[in-house]
Amino acid sequence: MAFVGMGALVACAATEMPTPSEGQALFAQNCASCHGADARGNPAAGAAVPDLTRIALLPDGAFPRTRILSEIDGYTRVREPGQRHHVMPEFGVLLDGETVPVTLEDGTISPVPRPLAALLAYLESVQG
């Protein structure tokens, strides 16, 4: 009986939005080399690397969850004519895993791979 209760507890925990600290660890492994350990950019990586702590400072002031998820996983990126590759690699394949429900800007809930949701949680937490 105790195992059934523990299984239900684990199942509930797996469907909750990850914490920013979970995303920070993934950021350190996959993103910090270009975006810097503090997400403010890495001058050595070039001027085209954005400061990720200023995303919510865009004109409407809202954190664009859908756009950020798409940018990280590469789902909606389209190459410009003549462009051989994107500066930012597509991490979608690396961010596979169980899904968690993520509420998007329009109020819809989308199943998102946990590692991708964790990066989203971290990026939201570092907005200045």
N, C-alpha and C. Protein backbone atom coordinates (compact mmCIF):
# COMPACT_ATOMS: atom_id res chain seq x y z
N MET A 1 0.82 -1.18 0.00
CA MET A 1 0.00 0.00 0.00
C MET A 1 0.87 1.27 0.00
N ALA A 2 1.98 1.22 0.73
CA ALA A 2 2.87 2.38 0.77
C ALA A 2 3.46 2.66 -0.60
N PHE A 3 3.74 1.61 -1.38
CA PHE A 3 4.30 1.80 -2.71
C PHE A 3 3.32 2.50 -3.64
N VAL A 4 2.03 2.20 -3.51
CA VAL A 4 1.02 2.86 -4.33
C VAL A 4 0.99 4.35 -4.02
N GLY A 5 1.03 4.69 -2.76
CA GLY A 5 1.04 6.10 -2.36
C GLY A 5 2.28 6.82 -2.85
N MET A 6 3.42 6.17 -2.78
CA MET A 6 4.66 6.78 -3.25
C MET A 6 4.61 6.97 -4.77
N GLY A 7 4.06 5.99 -5.48
CA GLY A 7 3.93 6.10 -6.92
C GLY A 7 3.06 7.27 -7.32
N ALA A 8 1.97 7.47 -6.61
CA ALA A 8 1.08 8.60 -6.90
C ALA A 8 1.79 9.91 -6.61
N LEU A 9 2.58 9.96 -5.55
CA LEU A 9 3.32 11.18 -5.21
C LEU A 9 4.35 11.49 -6.29
N VAL A 10 5.07 10.50 -6.78
CA VAL A 10 6.05 10.70 -7.83
C VAL A 10 5.36 11.15 -9.11
N ALA A 11 4.23 10.56 -9.44
CA ALA A 11 3.50 10.94 -10.65
C ALA A 11 3.05 12.39 -10.57
N CYS A 12 2.60 12.83 -9.41
CA CYS A 12 2.19 14.23 -9.25
C CYS A 12 3.37 15.17 -9.39
N ALA A 13 4.50 14.81 -8.79
CA ALA A 13 5.68 15.67 -8.85
C ALA A 13 6.17 15.81 -10.28
N ALA A 14 6.05 14.75 -11.07
CA ALA A 14 6.56 14.77 -12.43
C ALA A 14 5.75 15.70 -13.34
N THR A 15 4.51 15.99 -12.98
CA THR A 15 3.67 16.81 -13.84
C THR A 15 3.67 18.28 -13.43
N GLU A 16 4.38 18.63 -12.40
CA GLU A 16 4.46 20.02 -11.98
C GLU A 16 5.54 20.75 -12.76
N MET A 17 5.37 22.06 -12.90
CA MET A 17 6.36 22.89 -13.57
C MET A 17 7.68 22.79 -12.81
N PRO A 18 8.79 22.60 -13.50
CA PRO A 18 10.09 22.51 -12.84
C PRO A 18 10.46 23.83 -12.15
N THR A 19 11.37 23.73 -11.22
CA THR A 19 11.84 24.92 -10.52
C THR A 19 12.92 25.63 -11.35
N PRO A 20 13.12 26.92 -11.11
CA PRO A 20 14.20 27.61 -11.80
C PRO A 20 15.57 26.97 -11.58
N SER A 21 15.82 26.41 -10.39
CA SER A 21 17.13 25.81 -10.15
C SER A 21 17.37 24.59 -11.04
N GLU A 22 16.32 23.85 -11.35
CA GLU A 22 16.46 22.73 -12.28
C GLU A 22 16.86 23.26 -13.66
N GLY A 23 16.24 24.34 -14.07
CA GLY A 23 16.59 24.95 -15.35
C GLY A 23 17.97 25.58 -15.35
N GLN A 24 18.38 26.12 -14.22
CA GLN A 24 19.70 26.75 -14.13
C GLN A 24 20.80 25.73 -14.39
N ALA A 25 20.61 24.51 -13.89
CA ALA A 25 21.61 23.46 -14.13
C ALA A 25 21.69 23.12 -15.62
N LEU A 26 20.54 23.03 -16.29
CA LEU A 26 20.53 22.78 -17.73
C LEU A 26 21.13 23.94 -18.51
N PHE A 27 20.85 25.16 -18.05
CA PHE A 27 21.40 26.35 -18.68
C PHE A 27 22.92 26.32 -18.61
N ALA A 28 23.45 25.98 -17.43
CA ALA A 28 24.90 25.92 -17.25
C ALA A 28 25.54 24.91 -18.20
N GLN A 29 24.86 23.79 -18.44
CA GLN A 29 25.40 22.73 -19.30
C GLN A 29 25.28 23.08 -20.78
N ASN A 30 24.20 23.74 -21.18
CA ASN A 30 23.90 23.89 -22.61
C ASN A 30 23.96 25.31 -23.16
N CYS A 31 23.85 26.31 -22.31
CA CYS A 31 23.65 27.67 -22.80
C CYS A 31 24.71 28.67 -22.35
N ALA A 32 25.31 28.43 -21.19
CA ALA A 32 26.21 29.42 -20.59
C ALA A 32 27.44 29.71 -21.43
N SER A 33 27.88 28.78 -22.25
CA SER A 33 29.08 29.04 -23.05
C SER A 33 28.86 30.21 -24.01
N CYS A 34 27.65 30.42 -24.45
CA CYS A 34 27.34 31.57 -25.33
C CYS A 34 26.65 32.71 -24.57
N HIS A 35 25.68 32.35 -23.73
CA HIS A 35 24.87 33.37 -23.06
C HIS A 35 25.44 33.81 -21.72
N GLY A 36 26.57 33.23 -21.30
CA GLY A 36 27.19 33.60 -20.03
C GLY A 36 26.55 32.90 -18.86
N ALA A 37 27.30 32.71 -17.80
CA ALA A 37 26.82 32.02 -16.61
C ALA A 37 25.64 32.74 -15.98
N ASP A 38 25.57 34.07 -16.16
CA ASP A 38 24.49 34.85 -15.58
C ASP A 38 23.39 35.19 -16.59
N ALA A 39 23.46 34.60 -17.79
CA ALA A 39 22.48 34.79 -18.88
C ALA A 39 22.52 36.19 -19.48
N ARG A 40 23.56 36.96 -19.19
CA ARG A 40 23.66 38.33 -19.71
C ARG A 40 24.47 38.42 -21.00
N GLY A 41 24.91 37.27 -21.50
CA GLY A 41 25.70 37.26 -22.73
C GLY A 41 27.15 36.99 -22.42
N ASN A 42 27.86 36.52 -23.41
CA ASN A 42 29.28 36.21 -23.28
C ASN A 42 29.99 36.97 -24.40
N PRO A 43 30.70 38.06 -24.07
CA PRO A 43 31.37 38.84 -25.12
C PRO A 43 32.26 38.01 -26.03
N ALA A 44 32.86 36.96 -25.52
CA ALA A 44 33.72 36.12 -26.34
C ALA A 44 32.92 35.36 -27.42
N ALA A 45 31.61 35.19 -27.19
CA ALA A 45 30.77 34.46 -28.14
C ALA A 45 30.29 35.37 -29.28
N GLY A 46 30.49 36.65 -29.14
CA GLY A 46 30.11 37.58 -30.21
C GLY A 46 28.98 38.50 -29.80
N ALA A 47 28.86 39.58 -30.53
CA ALA A 47 27.87 40.61 -30.20
C ALA A 47 26.44 40.16 -30.47
N ALA A 48 26.24 39.15 -31.27
CA ALA A 48 24.89 38.72 -31.63
C ALA A 48 24.20 37.92 -30.52
N VAL A 49 24.91 37.58 -29.46
CA VAL A 49 24.33 36.80 -28.38
C VAL A 49 23.55 37.73 -27.45
N PRO A 50 22.24 37.53 -27.35
CA PRO A 50 21.43 38.45 -26.55
C PRO A 50 21.56 38.24 -25.04
N ASP A 51 21.27 39.31 -24.33
CA ASP A 51 21.18 39.30 -22.87
C ASP A 51 19.80 38.71 -22.55
N LEU A 52 19.77 37.52 -22.00
CA LEU A 52 18.51 36.83 -21.75
C LEU A 52 17.80 37.31 -20.50
N THR A 53 18.40 38.22 -19.76
CA THR A 53 17.74 38.76 -18.57
C THR A 53 16.85 39.95 -18.92
N ARG A 54 16.81 40.32 -20.19
CA ARG A 54 16.05 41.49 -20.61
C ARG A 54 14.88 41.13 -21.53
N ILE A 55 14.51 39.88 -21.61
CA ILE A 55 13.45 39.45 -22.50
C ILE A 55 12.12 40.11 -22.15
N ALA A 56 11.80 40.19 -20.88
CA ALA A 56 10.52 40.77 -20.45
C ALA A 56 10.49 42.29 -20.58
N LEU A 57 11.61 42.90 -20.95
CA LEU A 57 11.65 44.35 -21.14
C LEU A 57 11.24 44.76 -22.55
N LEU A 58 10.79 43.80 -23.34
CA LEU A 58 10.31 44.10 -24.68
C LEU A 58 9.07 44.98 -24.58
N PRO A 59 8.62 45.59 -25.66
CA PRO A 59 7.55 46.59 -25.60
C PRO A 59 6.33 46.24 -24.75
N ASP A 60 5.82 45.01 -24.81
CA ASP A 60 4.61 44.72 -24.03
C ASP A 60 4.91 44.31 -22.59
N GLY A 61 6.17 44.09 -22.25
CA GLY A 61 6.56 43.80 -20.88
C GLY A 61 6.24 42.40 -20.39
N ALA A 62 5.65 41.57 -21.23
CA ALA A 62 5.31 40.21 -20.83
C ALA A 62 6.41 39.25 -21.29
N PHE A 63 6.60 38.21 -20.54
CA PHE A 63 7.57 37.19 -20.92
C PHE A 63 6.91 36.30 -21.97
N PRO A 64 7.46 36.24 -23.18
CA PRO A 64 6.83 35.51 -24.28
C PRO A 64 7.15 34.01 -24.25
N ARG A 65 6.44 33.28 -23.39
CA ARG A 65 6.72 31.86 -23.19
C ARG A 65 6.73 31.07 -24.50
N THR A 66 5.72 31.27 -25.34
CA THR A 66 5.62 30.49 -26.58
C THR A 66 6.82 30.74 -27.47
N ARG A 67 7.18 32.00 -27.64
CA ARG A 67 8.32 32.34 -28.50
C ARG A 67 9.62 31.79 -27.95
N ILE A 68 9.80 31.88 -26.64
CA ILE A 68 11.04 31.40 -26.03
C ILE A 68 11.14 29.88 -26.15
N LEU A 69 10.05 29.17 -25.90
CA LEU A 69 10.06 27.71 -26.07
C LEU A 69 10.43 27.35 -27.49
N SER A 70 9.83 28.04 -28.45
CA SER A 70 10.10 27.75 -29.87
C SER A 70 11.53 28.09 -30.25
N GLU A 71 12.06 29.16 -29.69
CA GLU A 71 13.44 29.56 -30.01
C GLU A 71 14.43 28.53 -29.48
N ILE A 72 14.20 28.05 -28.27
CA ILE A 72 15.13 27.08 -27.68
C ILE A 72 15.10 25.76 -28.45
N ASP A 73 13.90 25.27 -28.72
CA ASP A 73 13.85 23.95 -29.38
C ASP A 73 14.02 24.03 -30.88
N GLY A 74 13.97 25.23 -31.46
CA GLY A 74 14.20 25.40 -32.88
C GLY A 74 12.99 25.11 -33.75
N TYR A 75 11.83 24.88 -33.12
CA TYR A 75 10.64 24.46 -33.85
C TYR A 75 10.17 25.45 -34.91
N THR A 76 10.18 26.73 -34.60
CA THR A 76 9.65 27.71 -35.55
C THR A 76 10.71 28.52 -36.26
N ARG A 77 11.96 28.20 -36.05
CA ARG A 77 13.01 28.98 -36.71
C ARG A 77 13.04 28.71 -38.19
N VAL A 78 13.12 29.77 -38.94
CA VAL A 78 13.20 29.67 -40.40
C VAL A 78 14.49 30.35 -40.82
N ARG A 79 15.21 29.70 -41.69
CA ARG A 79 16.45 30.30 -42.19
C ARG A 79 16.14 31.44 -43.14
N GLU A 80 16.92 32.47 -43.01
CA GLU A 80 16.82 33.59 -43.95
C GLU A 80 17.44 33.16 -45.27
N PRO A 81 16.96 33.72 -46.39
CA PRO A 81 17.55 33.36 -47.69
C PRO A 81 19.07 33.60 -47.68
N GLY A 82 19.80 32.60 -48.11
CA GLY A 82 21.25 32.72 -48.17
C GLY A 82 21.96 32.38 -46.87
N GLN A 83 21.22 32.22 -45.79
CA GLN A 83 21.86 31.90 -44.51
C GLN A 83 22.13 30.41 -44.43
N ARG A 84 23.36 30.04 -44.14
CA ARG A 84 23.74 28.63 -44.12
C ARG A 84 23.31 27.94 -42.84
N HIS A 85 23.34 28.63 -41.72
CA HIS A 85 22.94 28.03 -40.46
C HIS A 85 22.55 29.13 -39.47
N HIS A 86 21.85 28.75 -38.44
CA HIS A 86 21.50 29.70 -37.39
C HIS A 86 22.65 29.82 -36.42
N VAL A 87 22.73 30.97 -35.80
CA VAL A 87 23.77 31.16 -34.80
C VAL A 87 23.50 30.25 -33.61
N MET A 88 22.24 30.19 -33.17
CA MET A 88 21.89 29.36 -32.03
C MET A 88 21.52 27.96 -32.51
N PRO A 89 22.14 26.94 -31.92
CA PRO A 89 21.79 25.57 -32.32
C PRO A 89 20.37 25.23 -31.88
N GLU A 90 19.80 24.23 -32.51
CA GLU A 90 18.48 23.73 -32.12
C GLU A 90 18.68 22.69 -31.02
N PHE A 91 18.07 22.94 -29.87
CA PHE A 91 18.25 22.04 -28.73
C PHE A 91 17.09 21.09 -28.54
N GLY A 92 16.09 21.12 -29.41
CA GLY A 92 14.91 20.28 -29.24
C GLY A 92 15.21 18.82 -29.03
N VAL A 93 16.13 18.26 -29.79
CA VAL A 93 16.47 16.85 -29.67
C VAL A 93 17.12 16.56 -28.32
N LEU A 94 17.90 17.49 -27.82
CA LEU A 94 18.58 17.29 -26.54
C LEU A 94 17.65 17.46 -25.35
N LEU A 95 16.51 18.09 -25.57
CA LEU A 95 15.60 18.41 -24.46
C LEU A 95 14.38 17.50 -24.46
N ASP A 96 14.60 16.26 -24.79
CA ASP A 96 13.51 15.29 -24.81
C ASP A 96 13.26 14.81 -23.38
N GLY A 97 12.08 14.28 -23.14
CA GLY A 97 11.78 13.73 -21.83
C GLY A 97 10.31 13.77 -21.54
N GLU A 98 9.96 13.39 -20.31
CA GLU A 98 8.56 13.43 -19.91
C GLU A 98 8.03 14.85 -20.05
N THR A 99 6.74 14.98 -20.26
CA THR A 99 6.18 16.31 -20.44
C THR A 99 5.51 16.82 -19.17
N VAL A 100 5.50 18.13 -19.05
CA VAL A 100 4.80 18.80 -17.96
C VAL A 100 3.88 19.84 -18.58
N PRO A 101 2.79 20.18 -17.91
CA PRO A 101 1.89 21.20 -18.48
C PRO A 101 2.45 22.61 -18.26
N VAL A 102 2.53 23.37 -19.33
CA VAL A 102 3.01 24.75 -19.26
C VAL A 102 1.90 25.66 -19.76
N THR A 103 1.56 26.66 -18.95
CA THR A 103 0.54 27.62 -19.35
C THR A 103 1.18 28.68 -20.22
N LEU A 104 0.63 28.85 -21.42
CA LEU A 104 1.14 29.83 -22.38
C LEU A 104 0.44 31.16 -22.20
N GLU A 105 0.89 32.18 -22.93
CA GLU A 105 0.36 33.53 -22.79
C GLU A 105 -1.15 33.62 -23.01
N ASP A 106 -1.67 32.82 -23.91
CA ASP A 106 -3.10 32.90 -24.22
C ASP A 106 -3.95 32.07 -23.27
N GLY A 107 -3.34 31.49 -22.25
CA GLY A 107 -4.07 30.71 -21.26
C GLY A 107 -4.16 29.22 -21.58
N THR A 108 -3.74 28.82 -22.77
CA THR A 108 -3.77 27.40 -23.10
C THR A 108 -2.65 26.69 -22.34
N ILE A 109 -2.87 25.41 -22.12
CA ILE A 109 -1.87 24.59 -21.45
C ILE A 109 -1.30 23.64 -22.48
N SER A 110 0.02 23.63 -22.59
CA SER A 110 0.69 22.80 -23.59
C SER A 110 1.63 21.82 -22.90
N PRO A 111 1.64 20.56 -23.33
CA PRO A 111 2.62 19.62 -22.78
C PRO A 111 4.00 19.93 -23.36
N VAL A 112 4.96 20.15 -22.49
CA VAL A 112 6.30 20.55 -22.89
C VAL A 112 7.29 19.59 -22.23
N PRO A 113 8.30 19.13 -22.95
CA PRO A 113 9.31 18.28 -22.31
C PRO A 113 9.89 18.97 -21.08
N ARG A 114 10.01 18.22 -20.01
CA ARG A 114 10.44 18.79 -18.72
C ARG A 114 11.73 19.61 -18.82
N PRO A 115 12.77 19.13 -19.52
CA PRO A 115 13.99 19.95 -19.59
C PRO A 115 13.74 21.32 -20.25
N LEU A 116 12.90 21.36 -21.27
CA LEU A 116 12.59 22.62 -21.93
C LEU A 116 11.79 23.54 -21.01
N ALA A 117 10.85 22.95 -20.26
CA ALA A 117 10.08 23.73 -19.29
C ALA A 117 10.98 24.25 -18.17
N ALA A 118 11.98 23.46 -17.80
CA ALA A 118 12.92 23.89 -16.75
C ALA A 118 13.73 25.10 -17.22
N LEU A 119 14.20 25.07 -18.47
CA LEU A 119 14.92 26.23 -19.00
C LEU A 119 14.02 27.46 -19.03
N LEU A 120 12.76 27.27 -19.41
CA LEU A 120 11.80 28.36 -19.42
C LEU A 120 11.64 28.95 -18.03
N ALA A 121 11.49 28.09 -17.03
CA ALA A 121 11.34 28.55 -15.63
C ALA A 121 12.56 29.35 -15.19
N TYR A 122 13.74 28.88 -15.56
CA TYR A 122 14.96 29.60 -15.20
C TYR A 122 15.02 30.97 -15.88
N LEU A 123 14.75 31.01 -17.16
CA LEU A 123 14.81 32.29 -17.89
C LEU A 123 13.79 33.29 -17.36
N GLU A 124 12.62 32.81 -16.99
CA GLU A 124 11.63 33.71 -16.39
C GLU A 124 12.13 34.26 -15.06
N SER A 125 12.85 33.44 -14.32
CA SER A 125 13.31 33.85 -12.99
C SER A 125 14.42 34.88 -13.02
N VAL A 126 15.13 35.01 -14.15
CA VAL A 126 16.26 35.95 -14.21
C VAL A 126 15.91 37.27 -14.92
N GLN A 127 14.64 37.49 -15.16
CA GLN A 127 14.26 38.73 -15.83
C GLN A 127 14.47 39.92 -14.91
N GLY A 128 15.10 40.97 -15.47
CA GLY A 128 15.48 42.14 -14.68
C GLY A 128 14.48 43.14 -14.52
